[in-house]
PDB file of N, CA and C in Angstrom:
ATOM      1  N   UNK A   1       4.223 -12.290  19.355  1.00  0.00           N
ATOM      2  CA  UNK A   1       5.249 -10.818  19.833  1.00  0.00           C
ATOM      3  C   UNK A   1       4.978 -11.428  21.281  1.00  0.00           C
ATOM      4  N   UNK A   2       5.559 -11.304  22.554  1.00  0.00           N
ATOM      5  CA  UNK A   2       5.405 -11.508  23.201  1.00  0.00           C
ATOM      6  C   UNK A   2       4.884  -9.761  24.198  1.00  0.00           C
ATOM      7  N   UNK A   3       4.519 -10.677  25.455  1.00  0.00           N
ATOM      8  CA  UNK A   3       4.003  -9.429  26.239  1.00  0.00           C
ATOM      9  C   UNK A   3       4.440  -8.178  26.097  1.00  0.00           C
ATOM     10  N   UNK A   4       5.923  -8.132  26.643  1.00  0.00           N
ATOM     11  CA  UNK A   4       7.205  -7.159  27.220  1.00  0.00           C
ATOM     12  C   UNK A   4       7.300  -6.615  26.068  1.00  0.00           C
ATOM     13  N   UNK A   5       7.167  -7.390  25.006  1.00  0.00           N
ATOM     14  CA  UNK A   5       7.602  -5.857  24.133  1.00  0.00           C
ATOM     15  C   UNK A   5       6.334  -5.593  23.447  1.00  0.00           C
ATOM     16  N   UNK A   6       5.600  -5.912  23.268  1.00  0.00           N
ATOM     17  CA  UNK A   6       4.354  -5.303  23.133  1.00  0.00           C
ATOM     18  C   UNK A   6       3.923  -4.323  23.695  1.00  0.00           C
ATOM     19  N   UNK A   7       4.570  -4.303  25.129  1.00  0.00           N
ATOM     20  CA  UNK A   7       4.477  -3.341  26.075  1.00  0.00           C
ATOM     21  C   UNK A   7       5.405  -2.306  25.576  1.00  0.00           C
ATOM     22  N   UNK A   8       6.304  -2.837  25.552  1.00  0.00           N
ATOM     23  CA  UNK A   8       7.766  -1.652  25.406  1.00  0.00           C
ATOM     24  C   UNK A   8       7.463  -1.181  23.550  1.00  0.00           C
ATOM     25  N   UNK A   9       7.176  -1.758  22.859  1.00  0.00           N
ATOM     26  CA  UNK A   9       6.279  -0.988  21.574  1.00  0.00           C
ATOM     27  C   UNK A   9       5.826  -0.269  21.634  1.00  0.00           C
ATOM     28  N   UNK A  10       4.551  -0.945  22.422  1.00  0.00           N
ATOM     29  CA  UNK A  10       3.359   0.504  22.123  1.00  0.00           C
ATOM     30  C   UNK A  10       3.827   2.077  23.257  1.00  0.00           C
ATOM     31  N   UNK A  11       4.652   1.771  24.049  1.00  0.00           N
ATOM     32  CA  UNK A  11       5.596   2.484  24.616  1.00  0.00           C
ATOM     33  C   UNK A  11       5.927   3.631  23.986  1.00  0.00           C
ATOM     34  N   UNK A  12       6.934   3.032  23.211  1.00  0.00           N
ATOM     35  CA  UNK A  12       7.693   3.758  22.276  1.00  0.00           C
ATOM     36  C   UNK A  12       7.018   4.885  21.358  1.00  0.00           C
ATOM     37  N   UNK A  13       5.952   4.067  20.812  1.00  0.00           N
ATOM     38  CA  UNK A  13       5.120   4.664  19.947  1.00  0.00           C
ATOM     39  C   UNK A  13       3.891   5.749  20.690  1.00  0.00           C
ATOM     40  N   UNK A  14       3.795   5.959  22.411  1.00  0.00           N
ATOM     41  CA  UNK A  14       3.417   6.786  23.013  1.00  0.00           C
ATOM     42  C   UNK A  14       4.449   7.887  23.300  1.00  0.00           C
ATOM     43  N   UNK A  15       5.618   7.698  23.521  1.00  0.00           N
ATOM     44  CA  UNK A  15       6.659   8.278  23.293  1.00  0.00           C
ATOM     45  C   UNK A  15       7.060   9.338  22.050  1.00  0.00           C
ATOM     46  N   UNK A  16       6.995   8.731  20.971  1.00  0.00           N
ATOM     47  CA  UNK A  16       7.718   9.414  19.798  1.00  0.00           C
ATOM     48  C   UNK A  16       6.068  10.001  19.049  1.00  0.00           C
ATOM     49  N   UNK A  17       4.636   9.463  19.523  1.00  0.00           N
ATOM     50  CA  UNK A  17       3.858   9.986  18.452  1.00  0.00           C
ATOM     51  C   UNK A  17       3.417  11.752  18.961  1.00  0.00           C
ATOM     52  N   UNK A  18       4.448  11.358  20.016  1.00  0.00           N
ATOM     53  CA  UNK A  18       2.750  12.749  20.242  1.00  0.00           C
ATOM     54  C   UNK A  18       3.873  13.895  20.260  1.00  0.00           C
ATOM     55  N   UNK A  19       5.681  13.667  19.740  1.00  0.00           N
ATOM     56  CA  UNK A  19       6.216  14.628  19.241  1.00  0.00           C
ATOM     57  C   UNK A  19       6.896  14.301  17.974  1.00  0.00           C
ATOM     58  N   UNK A  20       5.953  14.193  17.417  1.00  0.00           N
ATOM     59  CA  UNK A  20       5.790  14.069  15.444  1.00  0.00           C
ATOM     60  C   UNK A  20       6.169  15.578  14.918  1.00  0.00           C
ATOM     61  N   UNK A  21       5.745  15.608  14.065  1.00  0.00           N
ATOM     62  CA  UNK A  21       5.144  17.353  13.465  1.00  0.00           C
ATOM     63  C   UNK A  21       5.700  16.954  11.941  1.00  0.00           C
ATOM     64  N   UNK A  22       5.736  15.780  10.775  1.00  0.00           N
ATOM     65  CA  UNK A  22       5.960  15.218  10.161  1.00  0.00           C
ATOM     66  C   UNK A  22       6.316  16.097   9.272  1.00  0.00           C
ATOM     67  N   UNK A  23       7.698  16.753   9.397  1.00  0.00           N
ATOM     68  CA  UNK A  23       8.341  16.793   9.303  1.00  0.00           C
ATOM     69  C   UNK A  23       9.884  16.786   9.232  1.00  0.00           C
ATOM     70  N   UNK A  24       9.375  14.926  10.242  1.00  0.00           N
ATOM     71  CA  UNK A  24      10.625  14.312  10.524  1.00  0.00           C
ATOM     72  C   UNK A  24      11.623  13.647   9.141  1.00  0.00           C
ATOM     73  N   UNK A  25      12.749  12.824  10.098  1.00  0.00           N
ATOM     74  CA  UNK A  25      13.849  12.308   9.102  1.00  0.00           C
ATOM     75  C   UNK A  25      12.754  11.004   8.389  1.00  0.00           C
ATOM     76  N   UNK A  26      12.300  10.610   9.366  1.00  0.00           N
ATOM     77  CA  UNK A  26      11.451   9.057   8.807  1.00  0.00           C
ATOM     78  C   UNK A  26       9.577   9.459   9.322  1.00  0.00           C
ATOM     79  N   UNK A  27       9.017   8.810   8.022  1.00  0.00           N
ATOM     80  CA  UNK A  27       8.121   9.662   6.750  1.00  0.00           C
ATOM     81  C   UNK A  27       7.071   9.081   7.801  1.00  0.00           C
ATOM     82  N   UNK A  28       5.571   9.518   8.134  1.00  0.00           N
ATOM     83  CA  UNK A  28       4.735   9.566   9.190  1.00  0.00           C
ATOM     84  C   UNK A  28       3.984   7.894   9.143  1.00  0.00           C
ATOM     85  N   UNK A  29       4.578   7.333   7.039  1.00  0.00           N
ATOM     86  CA  UNK A  29       4.002   6.033   7.125  1.00  0.00           C
ATOM     87  C   UNK A  29       4.310   5.213   7.859  1.00  0.00           C
ATOM     88  N   UNK A  30       5.968   5.061   8.324  1.00  0.00           N
ATOM     89  CA  UNK A  30       6.272   4.317   8.689  1.00  0.00           C
ATOM     90  C   UNK A  30       6.096   3.756   9.801  1.00  0.00           C
ATOM     91  N   UNK A  31       5.723   5.203  10.624  1.00  0.00           N
ATOM     92  CA  UNK A  31       4.970   4.737  12.378  1.00  0.00           C
ATOM     93  C   UNK A  31       3.239   4.251  11.771  1.00  0.00           C
ATOM     94  N   UNK A  32       2.760   4.427  10.886  1.00  0.00           N
ATOM     95  CA  UNK A  32       1.817   3.852  10.724  1.00  0.00           C
ATOM     96  C   UNK A  32       1.666   2.651  10.715  1.00  0.00           C
ATOM     97  N   UNK A  33       2.660   2.201   9.908  1.00  0.00           N
ATOM     98  CA  UNK A  33       2.997   0.894  10.036  1.00  0.00           C
ATOM     99  C   UNK A  33       3.851  -0.442  10.798  1.00  0.00           C
ATOM    100  N   UNK A  34       4.537   0.483  12.413  1.00  0.00           N
ATOM    101  CA  UNK A  34       4.610  -0.088  13.453  1.00  0.00           C
ATOM    102  C   UNK A  34       3.246  -0.205  13.899  1.00  0.00           C
ATOM    103  N   UNK A  35       2.757   0.996  13.757  1.00  0.00           N
ATOM    104  CA  UNK A  35       1.319   1.891  14.052  1.00  0.00           C
ATOM    105  C   UNK A  35       0.361   0.051  14.433  1.00  0.00           C
ATOM    106  N   UNK A  36       0.412  -0.163  12.986  1.00  0.00           N
ATOM    107  CA  UNK A  36      -0.928  -1.116  12.678  1.00  0.00           C
ATOM    108  C   UNK A  36      -0.091  -2.742  12.881  1.00  0.00           C
ATOM    109  N   UNK A  37       0.953  -3.188  13.132  1.00  0.00           N
ATOM    110  CA  UNK A  37       2.115  -3.925  14.025  1.00  0.00           C
ATOM    111  C   UNK A  37       1.503  -4.250  15.161  1.00  0.00           C
ATOM    112  N   UNK A  38       1.126  -3.007  16.216  1.00  0.00           N
ATOM    113  CA  UNK A  38       1.167  -3.673  17.341  1.00  0.00           C
ATOM    114  C   UNK A  38      -1.059  -3.464  17.668  1.00  0.00           C
ATOM    115  N   UNK A  39      -1.189  -2.561  16.499  1.00  0.00           N
ATOM    116  CA  UNK A  39      -2.766  -2.790  16.842  1.00  0.00           C
ATOM    117  C   UNK A  39      -2.943  -4.773  15.603  1.00  0.00           C
ATOM    118  N   UNK A  40      -2.109  -5.120  14.926  1.00  0.00           N
ATOM    119  CA  UNK A  40      -2.424  -6.492  14.915  1.00  0.00           C
ATOM    120  C   UNK A  40      -2.024  -7.954  16.005  1.00  0.00           C
ATOM    121  N   UNK A  41      -1.690  -7.306  16.936  1.00  0.00           N
ATOM    122  CA  UNK A  41      -1.709  -8.353  17.885  1.00  0.00           C
ATOM    123  C   UNK A  41      -2.871  -8.652  18.790  1.00  0.00           C
ATOM    124  N   UNK A  42      -2.260  -9.758  20.006  1.00  0.00           N
ATOM    125  CA  UNK A  42      -3.403 -10.291  20.756  1.00  0.00           C
ATOM    126  C   UNK A  42      -3.490  -9.172  22.027  1.00  0.00           C
ATOM    127  N   UNK A  43      -4.579  -7.980  20.939  1.00  0.00           N
ATOM    128  CA  UNK A  43      -3.992  -7.243  23.081  1.00  0.00           C
ATOM    129  C   UNK A  43      -4.877  -6.345  23.759  1.00  0.00           C
ATOM    130  N   UNK A  44      -4.758  -6.599  25.769  1.00  0.00           N
ATOM    131  CA  UNK A  44      -5.733  -6.750  26.466  1.00  0.00           C
ATOM    132  C   UNK A  44      -6.351  -5.217  26.257  1.00  0.00           C
ATOM    133  N   UNK A  45      -7.427  -5.025  26.824  1.00  0.00           N
ATOM    134  CA  UNK A  45      -8.270  -4.143  26.473  1.00  0.00           C
ATOM    135  C   UNK A  45      -7.486  -2.853  27.029  1.00  0.00           C
ATOM    136  N   UNK A  46      -6.698  -2.098  28.026  1.00  0.00           N
ATOM    137  CA  UNK A  46      -6.118  -1.180  28.613  1.00  0.00           C
ATOM    138  C   UNK A  46      -5.309  -0.742  27.333  1.00  0.00           C
ATOM    139  N   UNK A  47      -4.457  -1.901  26.972  1.00  0.00           N
ATOM    140  CA  UNK A  47      -3.485  -1.386  25.539  1.00  0.00           C
ATOM    141  C   UNK A  47      -4.730  -1.417  24.271  1.00  0.00           C
ATOM    142  N   UNK A  48      -5.659  -2.137  24.220  1.00  0.00           N
ATOM    143  CA  UNK A  48      -6.428  -2.024  23.521  1.00  0.00           C
ATOM    144  C   UNK A  48      -6.843  -0.164  23.113  1.00  0.00           C
ATOM    145  N   UNK A  49      -6.606   0.606  24.469  1.00  0.00           N
ATOM    146  CA  UNK A  49      -7.269   1.747  24.682  1.00  0.00           C
ATOM    147  C   UNK A  49      -6.007   2.522  23.942  1.00  0.00           C
ATOM    148  N   UNK A  50      -4.858   2.626  24.010  1.00  0.00           N
ATOM    149  CA  UNK A  50      -4.031   2.962  24.669  1.00  0.00           C
ATOM    150  C   UNK A  50      -3.899   3.034  22.858  1.00  0.00           C
ATOM    151  N   UNK A  51      -3.434   1.811  21.849  1.00  0.00           N
ATOM    152  CA  UNK A  51      -3.355   1.910  20.399  1.00  0.00           C
ATOM    153  C   UNK A  51      -4.059   2.954  19.601  1.00  0.00           C
ATOM    154  N   UNK A  52      -5.600   2.930  20.337  1.00  0.00           N
ATOM    155  CA  UNK A  52      -6.597   3.610  20.052  1.00  0.00           C
ATOM    156  C   UNK A  52      -6.794   5.009  20.163  1.00  0.00           C
ATOM    157  N   UNK A  53      -5.672   5.132  21.108  1.00  0.00           N
ATOM    158  CA  UNK A  53      -5.681   7.076  21.641  1.00  0.00           C
ATOM    159  C   UNK A  53      -4.781   7.101  20.539  1.00  0.00           C
ATOM    160  N   UNK A  54      -3.607   6.541  20.211  1.00  0.00           N
ATOM    161  CA  UNK A  54      -2.033   6.255  19.464  1.00  0.00           C
ATOM    162  C   UNK A  54      -3.076   6.898  17.975  1.00  0.00           C
ATOM    163  N   UNK A  55      -3.470   5.584  17.054  1.00  0.00           N
ATOM    164  CA  UNK A  55      -4.271   5.739  15.986  1.00  0.00           C
ATOM    165  C   UNK A  55      -4.712   7.902  15.531  1.00  0.00           C
ATOM    166  N   UNK A  56      -5.403   7.409  16.383  1.00  0.00           N
ATOM    167  CA  UNK A  56      -6.201   8.967  16.836  1.00  0.00           C
ATOM    168  C   UNK A  56      -5.315  10.309  16.502  1.00  0.00           C
ATOM    169  N   UNK A  57      -4.325  10.320  17.260  1.00  0.00           N
ATOM    170  CA  UNK A  57      -3.261  11.032  17.228  1.00  0.00           C
ATOM    171  C   UNK A  57      -2.515  11.213  16.246  1.00  0.00           C
ATOM    172  N   UNK A  58      -2.440   9.744  15.531  1.00  0.00           N
ATOM    173  CA  UNK A  58      -1.234  10.058  14.271  1.00  0.00           C
ATOM    174  C   UNK A  58      -2.398  10.454  13.266  1.00  0.00           C
ATOM    175  N   UNK A  59      -3.534   9.561  13.113  1.00  0.00           N
ATOM    176  CA  UNK A  59      -4.915   9.966  12.033  1.00  0.00           C
ATOM    177  C   UNK A  59      -4.307  11.610  11.780  1.00  0.00           C
ATOM    178  N   UNK A  60      -4.813  12.213  13.517  1.00  0.00           N
ATOM    179  CA  UNK A  60      -4.909  14.108  13.653  1.00  0.00           C
ATOM    180  C   UNK A  60      -4.173  14.545  12.543  1.00  0.00           C
ATOM    181  N   UNK A  61      -2.707  13.673  13.107  1.00  0.00           N
ATOM    182  CA  UNK A  61      -1.719  14.507  12.203  1.00  0.00           C
ATOM    183  C   UNK A  61      -1.586  14.260  11.139  1.00  0.00           C
ATOM    184  N   UNK A  62      -2.037  13.513  10.382  1.00  0.00           N
ATOM    185  CA  UNK A  62      -2.346  12.792   9.357  1.00  0.00           C
ATOM    186  C   UNK A  62      -2.773  13.804   8.238  1.00  0.00           C
ATOM    187  N   UNK A  63      -3.450  13.748   8.910  1.00  0.00           N
ATOM    188  CA  UNK A  63      -5.427  15.058   7.983  1.00  0.00           C
ATOM    189  C   UNK A  63      -4.688  16.294   8.041  1.00  0.00           C
ATOM    190  N   UNK A  64      -4.332  16.698   9.719  1.00  0.00           N
ATOM    191  CA  UNK A  64      -3.531  17.631   9.496  1.00  0.00           C
ATOM    192  C   UNK A  64      -2.564  18.786   8.553  1.00  0.00           C
ATOM    193  N   UNK A  65      -1.628  17.306   8.436  1.00  0.00           N
ATOM    194  CA  UNK A  65      -0.617  17.525   7.207  1.00  0.00           C
ATOM    195  C   UNK A  65      -1.389  17.694   5.845  1.00  0.00           C
ATOM    196  N   UNK A  66      -2.278  17.043   5.561  1.00  0.00           N
ATOM    197  CA  UNK A  66      -3.147  16.316   4.063  1.00  0.00           C
ATOM    198  C   UNK A  66      -3.611  18.245   4.284  1.00  0.00           C
ATOM    199  N   UNK A  67      -3.985  18.540   4.338  1.00  0.00           N
ATOM    200  CA  UNK A  67      -4.811  19.744   5.046  1.00  0.00           C
ATOM    201  C   UNK A  67      -3.836  21.127   4.221  1.00  0.00           C
ATOM    202  N   UNK A  68      -2.786  20.828   4.926  1.00  0.00           N
ATOM    203  CA  UNK A  68      -2.085  22.190   4.909  1.00  0.00           C
ATOM    204  C   UNK A  68      -1.221  21.768   3.502  1.00  0.00           C
ATOM    205  N   UNK A  69      -0.703  20.277   3.087  1.00  0.00           N
ATOM    206  CA  UNK A  69      -0.071  20.408   1.918  1.00  0.00           C
ATOM    207  C   UNK A  69      -1.127  20.815   0.751  1.00  0.00           C
ATOM    208  N   UNK A  70      -2.916  20.582   0.971  1.00  0.00           N
ATOM    209  CA  UNK A  70      -3.778  21.453  -0.280  1.00  0.00           C
ATOM    210  C   UNK A  70      -3.993  22.611  -0.123  1.00  0.00           C
ATOM    211  N   UNK A  71      -4.373  23.647   1.280  1.00  0.00           N
ATOM    212  CA  UNK A  71      -3.423  24.952   1.027  1.00  0.00           C
ATOM    213  C   UNK A  71      -2.150  25.712   0.650  1.00  0.00           C
ATOM    214  N   UNK A  72      -1.549  25.191   0.917  1.00  0.00           N
ATOM    215  CA  UNK A  72       0.404  24.964  -0.264  1.00  0.00           C
ATOM    216  C   UNK A  72      -0.530  24.711  -1.152  1.00  0.00           C
ATOM    217  N   UNK A  73      -0.360  24.305  -1.871  1.00  0.00           N
ATOM    218  CA  UNK A  73      -0.604  24.097  -3.315  1.00  0.00           C
ATOM    219  C   UNK A  73      -2.052  25.012  -3.742  1.00  0.00           C
ATOM    220  N   UNK A  74      -2.607  25.539  -2.988  1.00  0.00           N
ATOM    221  CA  UNK A  74      -3.594  25.960  -4.018  1.00  0.00           C
ATOM    222  C   UNK A  74      -3.216  27.459  -3.548  1.00  0.00           C
ATOM    223  N   UNK A  75      -1.942  28.143  -3.011  1.00  0.00           N
ATOM    224  CA  UNK A  75      -1.747  29.735  -3.255  1.00  0.00           C
ATOM    225  C   UNK A  75      -1.471  29.352  -4.756  1.00  0.00           C
TER     226      UNK A  75
END
């Protein structure tokens, strides 16, 4: 992936991941795949940091939704 496309993909993920609720039409697994795709590229240090933050944000959302699902199931 060229540098400009990679940068656009990271920017798009930054825009979207912060707005996800887990109840969106596109499943979180799609965004996980997109993030893993970007993560596998040859990133410069600043991009690595941004991707790391995105990973943490998505992981937190996935964890929260899993926790909520378990709580609802146990009711």
